[in-house]
PDB file of N, CA and C in Angstrom:
ATOM      1  N   MET A   1       7.787   4.233 -20.964  1.00  0.00           N
ATOM      2  CA  MET A   1       7.380   3.792 -22.369  1.00  0.00           C
ATOM      3  C   MET A   1       6.045   2.997 -22.575  1.00  0.00           C
ATOM      4  N   LEU A   2       5.974   2.043 -21.662  1.00  0.00           N
ATOM      5  CA  LEU A   2       4.813   1.232 -21.779  1.00  0.00           C
ATOM      6  C   LEU A   2       3.557   2.116 -21.537  1.00  0.00           C
ATOM      7  N   VAL A   3       3.628   2.893 -20.467  1.00  0.00           N
ATOM      8  CA  VAL A   3       2.425   3.800 -20.303  1.00  0.00           C
ATOM      9  C   VAL A   3       2.104   4.750 -21.340  1.00  0.00           C
ATOM     10  N   ALA A   4       3.187   5.351 -22.037  1.00  0.00           N
ATOM     11  CA  ALA A   4       3.024   6.221 -23.058  1.00  0.00           C
ATOM     12  C   ALA A   4       2.360   5.398 -24.373  1.00  0.00           C
ATOM     13  N   ARG A   5       2.733   4.117 -24.521  1.00  0.00           N
ATOM     14  CA  ARG A   5       2.115   3.424 -25.556  1.00  0.00           C
ATOM     15  C   ARG A   5       0.607   3.143 -25.225  1.00  0.00           C
ATOM     16  N   LEU A   6       0.325   2.876 -24.057  1.00  0.00           N
ATOM     17  CA  LEU A   6      -1.112   2.765 -23.651  1.00  0.00           C
ATOM     18  C   LEU A   6      -1.949   3.858 -23.887  1.00  0.00           C
ATOM     19  N   TRP A   7      -1.410   5.052 -23.659  1.00  0.00           N
ATOM     20  CA  TRP A   7      -2.155   6.306 -23.886  1.00  0.00           C
ATOM     21  C   TRP A   7      -2.535   6.360 -25.312  1.00  0.00           C
ATOM     22  N   ARG A   8      -1.410   5.956 -26.240  1.00  0.00           N
ATOM     23  CA  ARG A   8      -1.827   6.115 -27.632  1.00  0.00           C
ATOM     24  C   ARG A   8      -2.926   5.141 -28.065  1.00  0.00           C
ATOM     25  N   LEU A   9      -2.778   4.000 -27.531  1.00  0.00           N
ATOM     26  CA  LEU A   9      -3.757   2.969 -27.767  1.00  0.00           C
ATOM     27  C   LEU A   9      -5.127   3.251 -27.367  1.00  0.00           C
ATOM     28  N   TRP A  10      -5.249   3.652 -25.993  1.00  0.00           N
ATOM     29  CA  TRP A  10      -6.492   4.011 -25.418  1.00  0.00           C
ATOM     30  C   TRP A  10      -7.016   5.485 -25.739  1.00  0.00           C
ATOM     31  N   GLY A  11      -6.087   6.350 -26.008  1.00  0.00           N
ATOM     32  CA  GLY A  11      -6.405   7.596 -26.507  1.00  0.00           C
ATOM     33  C   GLY A  11      -6.798   8.662 -25.584  1.00  0.00           C
ATOM     34  N   ALA A  12      -7.237   8.390 -24.310  1.00  0.00           N
ATOM     35  CA  ALA A  12      -7.607   9.427 -23.389  1.00  0.00           C
ATOM     36  C   ALA A  12      -6.785   9.419 -22.196  1.00  0.00           C
ATOM     37  N   PRO A  13      -6.393  10.565 -21.690  1.00  0.00           N
ATOM     38  CA  PRO A  13      -5.502  10.731 -20.463  1.00  0.00           C
ATOM     39  C   PRO A  13      -6.313  10.299 -19.233  1.00  0.00           C
ATOM     40  N   HIS A  14      -7.621  10.332 -19.286  1.00  0.00           N
ATOM     41  CA  HIS A  14      -8.352   9.876 -17.984  1.00  0.00           C
ATOM     42  C   HIS A  14      -8.050   8.382 -17.633  1.00  0.00           C
ATOM     43  N   LYS A  15      -7.546   7.613 -18.587  1.00  0.00           N
ATOM     44  CA  LYS A  15      -7.228   6.275 -18.316  1.00  0.00           C
ATOM     45  C   LYS A  15      -6.131   6.034 -17.224  1.00  0.00           C
ATOM     46  N   ARG A  16      -5.446   7.048 -16.878  1.00  0.00           N
ATOM     47  CA  ARG A  16      -4.530   7.096 -15.990  1.00  0.00           C
ATOM     48  C   ARG A  16      -5.082   6.516 -14.546  1.00  0.00           C
ATOM     49  N   HIS A  17      -6.415   6.989 -14.373  1.00  0.00           N
ATOM     50  CA  HIS A  17      -7.129   6.597 -13.262  1.00  0.00           C
ATOM     51  C   HIS A  17      -7.194   4.984 -13.258  1.00  0.00           C
ATOM     52  N   THR A  18      -7.448   4.555 -14.367  1.00  0.00           N
ATOM     53  CA  THR A  18      -7.753   3.020 -14.483  1.00  0.00           C
ATOM     54  C   THR A  18      -6.333   2.271 -14.248  1.00  0.00           C
ATOM     55  N   VAL A  19      -5.333   2.831 -14.830  1.00  0.00           N
ATOM     56  CA  VAL A  19      -4.002   2.170 -14.698  1.00  0.00           C
ATOM     57  C   VAL A  19      -3.547   2.171 -13.227  1.00  0.00           C
ATOM     58  N   ALA A  20      -3.631   3.295 -12.532  1.00  0.00           N
ATOM     59  CA  ALA A  20      -3.220   3.473 -11.192  1.00  0.00           C
ATOM     60  C   ALA A  20      -4.062   2.559 -10.331  1.00  0.00           C
ATOM     61  N   THR A  21      -5.513   2.603 -10.566  1.00  0.00           N
ATOM     62  CA  THR A  21      -6.331   1.734  -9.763  1.00  0.00           C
ATOM     63  C   THR A  21      -6.035   0.204  -9.834  1.00  0.00           C
ATOM     64  N   LEU A  22      -5.889  -0.228 -11.174  1.00  0.00           N
ATOM     65  CA  LEU A  22      -5.673  -1.625 -11.430  1.00  0.00           C
ATOM     66  C   LEU A  22      -4.290  -2.054 -10.898  1.00  0.00           C
ATOM     67  N   LEU A  23      -3.362  -1.340 -11.078  1.00  0.00           N
ATOM     68  CA  LEU A  23      -2.087  -1.758 -10.584  1.00  0.00           C
ATOM     69  C   LEU A  23      -2.019  -1.676  -9.010  1.00  0.00           C
ATOM     70  N   LEU A  24      -2.621  -0.840  -8.361  1.00  0.00           N
ATOM     71  CA  LEU A  24      -2.665  -0.850  -6.892  1.00  0.00           C
ATOM     72  C   LEU A  24      -3.488  -2.053  -6.520  1.00  0.00           C
ATOM     73  N   GLU A  25      -4.613  -2.414  -7.142  1.00  0.00           N
ATOM     74  CA  GLU A  25      -5.394  -3.475  -6.864  1.00  0.00           C
ATOM     75  C   GLU A  25      -4.627  -4.839  -6.942  1.00  0.00           C
ATOM     76  N   LYS A  26      -3.619  -4.895  -7.795  1.00  0.00           N
ATOM     77  CA  LYS A  26      -2.858  -6.115  -7.999  1.00  0.00           C
ATOM     78  C   LYS A  26      -1.678  -6.108  -7.114  1.00  0.00           C
ATOM     79  N   GLY A  27      -1.525  -5.004  -6.307  1.00  0.00           N
ATOM     80  CA  GLY A  27      -0.430  -5.142  -5.312  1.00  0.00           C
ATOM     81  C   GLY A  27       0.867  -4.334  -5.618  1.00  0.00           C
ATOM     82  N   GLU A  28       0.875  -3.617  -6.818  1.00  0.00           N
ATOM     83  CA  GLU A  28       1.948  -2.927  -7.281  1.00  0.00           C
ATOM     84  C   GLU A  28       2.426  -1.799  -6.272  1.00  0.00           C
ATOM     85  N   ASN A  29       3.669  -1.635  -6.160  1.00  0.00           N
ATOM     86  CA  ASN A  29       4.155  -0.681  -5.199  1.00  0.00           C
ATOM     87  C   ASN A  29       3.893   0.792  -5.623  1.00  0.00           C
ATOM     88  N   ILE A  30       3.459   1.599  -4.822  1.00  0.00           N
ATOM     89  CA  ILE A  30       2.948   2.888  -5.105  1.00  0.00           C
ATOM     90  C   ILE A  30       4.072   3.846  -5.740  1.00  0.00           C
ATOM     91  N   LYS A  31       5.254   3.595  -5.398  1.00  0.00           N
ATOM     92  CA  LYS A  31       6.358   4.343  -5.821  1.00  0.00           C
ATOM     93  C   LYS A  31       6.600   4.144  -7.279  1.00  0.00           C
ATOM     94  N   THR A  32       6.360   2.757  -7.573  1.00  0.00           N
ATOM     95  CA  THR A  32       6.488   2.362  -9.095  1.00  0.00           C
ATOM     96  C   THR A  32       5.452   3.006  -9.876  1.00  0.00           C
ATOM     97  N   ILE A  33       4.191   3.015  -9.375  1.00  0.00           N
ATOM     98  CA  ILE A  33       3.105   3.541 -10.086  1.00  0.00           C
ATOM     99  C   ILE A  33       3.291   5.146 -10.363  1.00  0.00           C
ATOM    100  N   GLN A  34       3.772   5.683  -9.218  1.00  0.00           N
ATOM    101  CA  GLN A  34       4.077   7.136  -9.291  1.00  0.00           C
ATOM    102  C   GLN A  34       4.951   7.476 -10.446  1.00  0.00           C
ATOM    103  N   GLU A  35       6.056   6.730 -10.540  1.00  0.00           N
ATOM    104  CA  GLU A  35       7.136   6.936 -11.624  1.00  0.00           C
ATOM    105  C   GLU A  35       6.434   6.642 -12.806  1.00  0.00           C
ATOM    106  N   LEU A  36       5.646   5.540 -13.092  1.00  0.00           N
ATOM    107  CA  LEU A  36       5.147   5.345 -14.362  1.00  0.00           C
ATOM    108  C   LEU A  36       4.329   6.226 -14.876  1.00  0.00           C
ATOM    109  N   LEU A  37       3.524   6.966 -13.965  1.00  0.00           N
ATOM    110  CA  LEU A  37       2.589   8.008 -14.222  1.00  0.00           C
ATOM    111  C   LEU A  37       3.249   9.438 -14.338  1.00  0.00           C
ATOM    112  N   GLY A  38       4.480   9.537 -13.832  1.00  0.00           N
ATOM    113  CA  GLY A  38       5.187  10.783 -13.987  1.00  0.00           C
ATOM    114  C   GLY A  38       4.828  11.813 -13.037  1.00  0.00           C
ATOM    115  N   HIS A  39       4.320  11.297 -11.780  1.00  0.00           N
ATOM    116  CA  HIS A  39       3.996  12.255 -10.701  1.00  0.00           C
ATOM    117  C   HIS A  39       5.086  12.590  -9.903  1.00  0.00           C
ATOM    118  N   ALA A  40       5.072  13.834  -9.439  1.00  0.00           N
ATOM    119  CA  ALA A  40       6.267  14.279  -8.511  1.00  0.00           C
ATOM    120  C   ALA A  40       6.310  13.566  -7.140  1.00  0.00           C
ATOM    121  N   ASP A  41       5.230  13.212  -6.714  1.00  0.00           N
ATOM    122  CA  ASP A  41       5.060  12.636  -5.403  1.00  0.00           C
ATOM    123  C   ASP A  41       3.901  11.512  -5.323  1.00  0.00           C
ATOM    124  N   ALA A  42       4.023  10.569  -4.551  1.00  0.00           N
ATOM    125  CA  ALA A  42       2.953   9.493  -4.488  1.00  0.00           C
ATOM    126  C   ALA A  42       1.619  10.002  -4.006  1.00  0.00           C
ATOM    127  N   SER A  43       1.532  11.153  -3.312  1.00  0.00           N
ATOM    128  CA  SER A  43       0.244  11.478  -2.809  1.00  0.00           C
ATOM    129  C   SER A  43      -0.651  11.950  -4.056  1.00  0.00           C
ATOM    130  N   THR A  44      -0.124  12.545  -5.025  1.00  0.00           N
ATOM    131  CA  THR A  44      -0.837  12.721  -6.197  1.00  0.00           C
ATOM    132  C   THR A  44      -1.472  11.522  -6.840  1.00  0.00           C
ATOM    133  N   THR A  45      -0.677  10.465  -6.976  1.00  0.00           N
ATOM    134  CA  THR A  45      -1.020   9.209  -7.471  1.00  0.00           C
ATOM    135  C   THR A  45      -2.205   8.506  -6.638  1.00  0.00           C
ATOM    136  N   LEU A  46      -1.988   8.668  -5.319  1.00  0.00           N
ATOM    137  CA  LEU A  46      -3.086   8.019  -4.410  1.00  0.00           C
ATOM    138  C   LEU A  46      -4.237   8.793  -4.262  1.00  0.00           C
ATOM    139  N   ASN A  47      -4.023  10.219  -4.149  1.00  0.00           N
ATOM    140  CA  ASN A  47      -5.263  10.956  -3.890  1.00  0.00           C
ATOM    141  C   ASN A  47      -6.160  11.387  -5.074  1.00  0.00           C
ATOM    142  N   THR A  48      -5.400  11.385  -6.335  1.00  0.00           N
ATOM    143  CA  THR A  48      -6.103  11.863  -7.424  1.00  0.00           C
ATOM    144  C   THR A  48      -6.451  10.606  -8.401  1.00  0.00           C
ATOM    145  N   TYR A  49      -5.432   9.803  -8.583  1.00  0.00           N
ATOM    146  CA  TYR A  49      -5.630   8.872  -9.740  1.00  0.00           C
ATOM    147  C   TYR A  49      -5.926   7.393  -9.242  1.00  0.00           C
ATOM    148  N   SER A  50      -5.962   7.075  -7.978  1.00  0.00           N
ATOM    149  CA  SER A  50      -6.425   5.828  -7.595  1.00  0.00           C
ATOM    150  C   SER A  50      -7.705   5.718  -6.933  1.00  0.00           C
ATOM    151  N   HIS A  51      -8.399   4.697  -7.047  1.00  0.00           N
ATOM    152  CA  HIS A  51      -9.823   4.618  -6.411  1.00  0.00           C
ATOM    153  C   HIS A  51     -10.074   3.202  -5.851  1.00  0.00           C
ATOM    154  N   VAL A  52     -10.877   3.201  -4.793  1.00  0.00           N
ATOM    155  CA  VAL A  52     -11.238   1.929  -4.274  1.00  0.00           C
ATOM    156  C   VAL A  52     -12.360   1.229  -5.040  1.00  0.00           C
ATOM    157  N   THR A  53     -11.973  -0.016  -5.326  1.00  0.00           N
ATOM    158  CA  THR A  53     -13.010  -0.890  -6.150  1.00  0.00           C
ATOM    159  C   THR A  53     -13.857  -1.746  -5.175  1.00  0.00           C
ATOM    160  N   ALA A  54     -14.842  -2.278  -5.767  1.00  0.00           N
ATOM    161  CA  ALA A  54     -15.684  -3.259  -4.987  1.00  0.00           C
ATOM    162  C   ALA A  54     -14.678  -4.527  -4.757  1.00  0.00           C
ATOM    163  N   ARG A  55     -13.876  -4.942  -5.686  1.00  0.00           N
ATOM    164  CA  ARG A  55     -12.895  -6.002  -5.530  1.00  0.00           C
ATOM    165  C   ARG A  55     -12.034  -5.777  -4.214  1.00  0.00           C
ATOM    166  N   THR A  56     -11.556  -4.407  -4.144  1.00  0.00           N
ATOM    167  CA  THR A  56     -10.567  -4.191  -3.141  1.00  0.00           C
ATOM    168  C   THR A  56     -11.324  -4.096  -1.867  1.00  0.00           C
ATOM    169  N   LYS A  57     -12.483  -3.691  -1.826  1.00  0.00           N
ATOM    170  CA  LYS A  57     -13.281  -3.613  -0.530  1.00  0.00           C
ATOM    171  C   LYS A  57     -13.495  -5.116  -0.120  1.00  0.00           C
ATOM    172  N   ALA A  58     -13.962  -5.989  -0.975  1.00  0.00           N
ATOM    173  CA  ALA A  58     -14.230  -7.314  -0.631  1.00  0.00           C
ATOM    174  C   ALA A  58     -12.933  -8.039  -0.139  1.00  0.00           C
ATOM    175  N   ALA A  59     -11.779  -7.807  -0.852  1.00  0.00           N
ATOM    176  CA  ALA A  59     -10.545  -8.471  -0.358  1.00  0.00           C
ATOM    177  C   ALA A  59     -10.266  -8.011   1.029  1.00  0.00           C
ATOM    178  N   SER A  60     -10.402  -6.676   1.374  1.00  0.00           N
ATOM    179  CA  SER A  60     -10.104  -6.185   2.599  1.00  0.00           C
ATOM    180  C   SER A  60     -11.041  -6.811   3.790  1.00  0.00           C
ATOM    181  N   ALA A  61     -12.336  -6.977   3.398  1.00  0.00           N
ATOM    182  CA  ALA A  61     -13.402  -7.527   4.297  1.00  0.00           C
ATOM    183  C   ALA A  61     -12.982  -9.074   4.533  1.00  0.00           C
ATOM    184  N   GLU A  62     -12.372  -9.748   3.507  1.00  0.00           N
ATOM    185  CA  GLU A  62     -12.060 -11.173   3.755  1.00  0.00           C
ATOM    186  C   GLU A  62     -10.806 -11.211   4.658  1.00  0.00           C
ATOM    187  N   ARG A  63      -9.850 -10.217   4.392  1.00  0.00           N
ATOM    188  CA  ARG A  63      -8.698 -10.303   5.386  1.00  0.00           C
ATOM    189  C   ARG A  63      -9.040  -9.922   6.842  1.00  0.00           C
ATOM    190  N   LEU A  64      -9.981  -8.958   6.943  1.00  0.00           N
ATOM    191  CA  LEU A  64     -10.479  -8.613   8.379  1.00  0.00           C
ATOM    192  C   LEU A  64     -11.226  -9.786   8.910  1.00  0.00           C
ATOM    193  N   ASN A  65     -12.067 -10.462   8.124  1.00  0.00           N
ATOM    194  CA  ASN A  65     -12.701 -11.686   8.596  1.00  0.00           C
ATOM    195  C   ASN A  65     -11.757 -12.697   9.019  1.00  0.00           C
ATOM    196  N   SER A  66     -10.715 -13.019   8.422  1.00  0.00           N
ATOM    197  CA  SER A  66      -9.688 -14.048   8.597  1.00  0.00           C
ATOM    198  C   SER A  66      -8.953 -13.601   9.974  1.00  0.00           C
ATOM    199  N   ILE A  67      -8.631 -12.280  10.158  1.00  0.00           N
ATOM    200  CA  ILE A  67      -8.085 -11.853  11.317  1.00  0.00           C
ATOM    201  C   ILE A  67      -8.918 -12.029  12.600  1.00  0.00           C
ATOM    202  N   ILE A  68     -10.151 -11.685  12.330  1.00  0.00           N
ATOM    203  CA  ILE A  68     -11.098 -11.744  13.526  1.00  0.00           C
ATOM    204  C   ILE A  68     -11.155 -13.217  13.829  1.00  0.00           C
ATOM    205  N   GLY A  69     -11.541 -14.137  12.778  1.00  0.00           N
ATOM    206  CA  GLY A  69     -11.504 -15.513  13.058  1.00  0.00           C
ATOM    207  C   GLY A  69     -10.386 -16.156  13.664  1.00  0.00           C
ATOM    208  N   SER A  70      -9.149 -15.531  13.461  1.00  0.00           N
ATOM    209  CA  SER A  70      -7.955 -16.251  14.113  1.00  0.00           C
ATOM    210  C   SER A  70      -7.877 -15.756  15.579  1.00  0.00           C
ATOM    211  N   VAL A  71      -8.386 -14.738  15.925  1.00  0.00           N
ATOM    212  CA  VAL A  71      -8.326 -14.115  17.263  1.00  0.00           C
ATOM    213  C   VAL A  71      -9.409 -14.691  18.190  1.00  0.00           C
ATOM    214  N   LEU A  72     -10.677 -14.730  17.761  1.00  0.00           N
ATOM    215  CA  LEU A  72     -11.851 -15.130  18.591  1.00  0.00           C
ATOM    216  C   LEU A  72     -11.702 -16.612  18.872  1.00  0.00           C
ATOM    217  N   PRO A  73     -12.128 -17.033  20.105  1.00  0.00           N
ATOM    218  CA  PRO A  73     -12.311 -18.433  20.391  1.00  0.00           C
ATOM    219  C   PRO A  73     -13.355 -19.130  19.468  1.00  0.00           C
ATOM    220  N   LYS A  74     -13.050 -20.245  19.010  1.00  0.00           N
ATOM    221  CA  LYS A  74     -14.079 -20.919  18.148  1.00  0.00           C
ATOM    222  C   LYS A  74     -15.509 -21.110  18.710  1.00  0.00           C
ATOM    223  N   VAL A  75     -15.590 -21.075  20.020  1.00  0.00           N
ATOM    224  CA  VAL A  75     -16.916 -21.306  20.722  1.00  0.00           C
ATOM    225  C   VAL A  75     -17.618 -19.974  20.520  1.00  0.00           C
ATOM    226  N   VAL A  76     -17.110 -18.863  20.677  1.00  0.00           N
ATOM    227  CA  VAL A  76     -17.700 -17.557  20.464  1.00  0.00           C
ATOM    228  C   VAL A  76     -18.226 -17.405  18.971  1.00  0.00           C
ATOM    229  N   LEU A  77     -17.407 -17.860  17.988  1.00  0.00           N
ATOM    230  CA  LEU A  77     -17.911 -17.879  16.512  1.00  0.00           C
ATOM    231  C   LEU A  77     -19.070 -18.825  16.396  1.00  0.00           C
ATOM    232  N   ASP A  78     -18.897 -20.095  16.893  1.00  0.00           N
ATOM    233  CA  ASP A  78     -20.108 -21.057  16.666  1.00  0.00           C
ATOM    234  C   ASP A  78     -21.284 -20.435  17.330  1.00  0.00           C
ATOM    235  N   GLU A  79     -21.314 -19.851  18.569  1.00  0.00           N
ATOM    236  CA  GLU A  79     -22.494 -19.298  19.194  1.00  0.00           C
ATOM    237  C   GLU A  79     -23.174 -18.134  18.256  1.00  0.00           C
ATOM    238  N   SER A  80     -22.204 -17.312  17.848  1.00  0.00           N
ATOM    239  CA  SER A  80     -22.661 -16.164  16.965  1.00  0.00           C
ATOM    240  C   SER A  80     -23.312 -16.661  15.708  1.00  0.00           C
ATOM    241  N   ILE A  81     -22.775 -17.757  15.097  1.00  0.00           N
ATOM    242  CA  ILE A  81     -23.455 -18.211  13.844  1.00  0.00           C
ATOM    243  C   ILE A  81     -24.748 -18.831  14.276  1.00  0.00           C
ATOM    244  N   GLN A  82     -24.873 -19.491  15.337  1.00  0.00           N
ATOM    245  CA  GLN A  82     -26.183 -20.194  15.587  1.00  0.00           C
ATOM    246  C   GLN A  82     -27.133 -19.082  15.982  1.00  0.00           C
ATOM    247  N   GLU A  83     -26.730 -17.991  16.587  1.00  0.00           N
ATOM    248  CA  GLU A  83     -27.756 -16.944  16.966  1.00  0.00           C
ATOM    249  C   GLU A  83     -28.304 -16.259  15.785  1.00  0.00           C
ATOM    250  N   ASN A  84     -27.458 -16.122  14.677  1.00  0.00           N
ATOM    251  CA  ASN A  84     -27.779 -15.475  13.457  1.00  0.00           C
ATOM    252  C   ASN A  84     -28.531 -16.294  12.511  1.00  0.00           C
ATOM    253  N   ASN A  85     -28.545 -17.612  12.709  1.00  0.00           N
ATOM    254  CA  ASN A  85     -29.459 -18.480  11.967  1.00  0.00           C
ATOM    255  C   ASN A  85     -30.736 -18.712  12.541  1.00  0.00           C
ATOM    256  N   LEU A  86     -31.058 -18.219  13.614  1.00  0.00           N
ATOM    257  CA  LEU A  86     -32.354 -18.375  14.195  1.00  0.00           C
ATOM    258  C   LEU A  86     -33.496 -17.651  13.527  1.00  0.00           C
TER     259      LEU A  86
END
């Protein structure tokens, strides 16, 4: 019902891409988004209606940076920083 109201307010079905992308970006469960959009399976939602945004890429890079930082010894990180600042 909420999605149907949004369609009327926004007017264009292509907004489904925006809804799917924003909900995924905020961590919503893919099955929930699939049902909201009325898709038969989640692959349609993921492959057609969701997109990777700059914010999503940046958040992933930060998570990876945190993982790498927690695994590498501090000495290695300090030396690498010093080399890059030369």
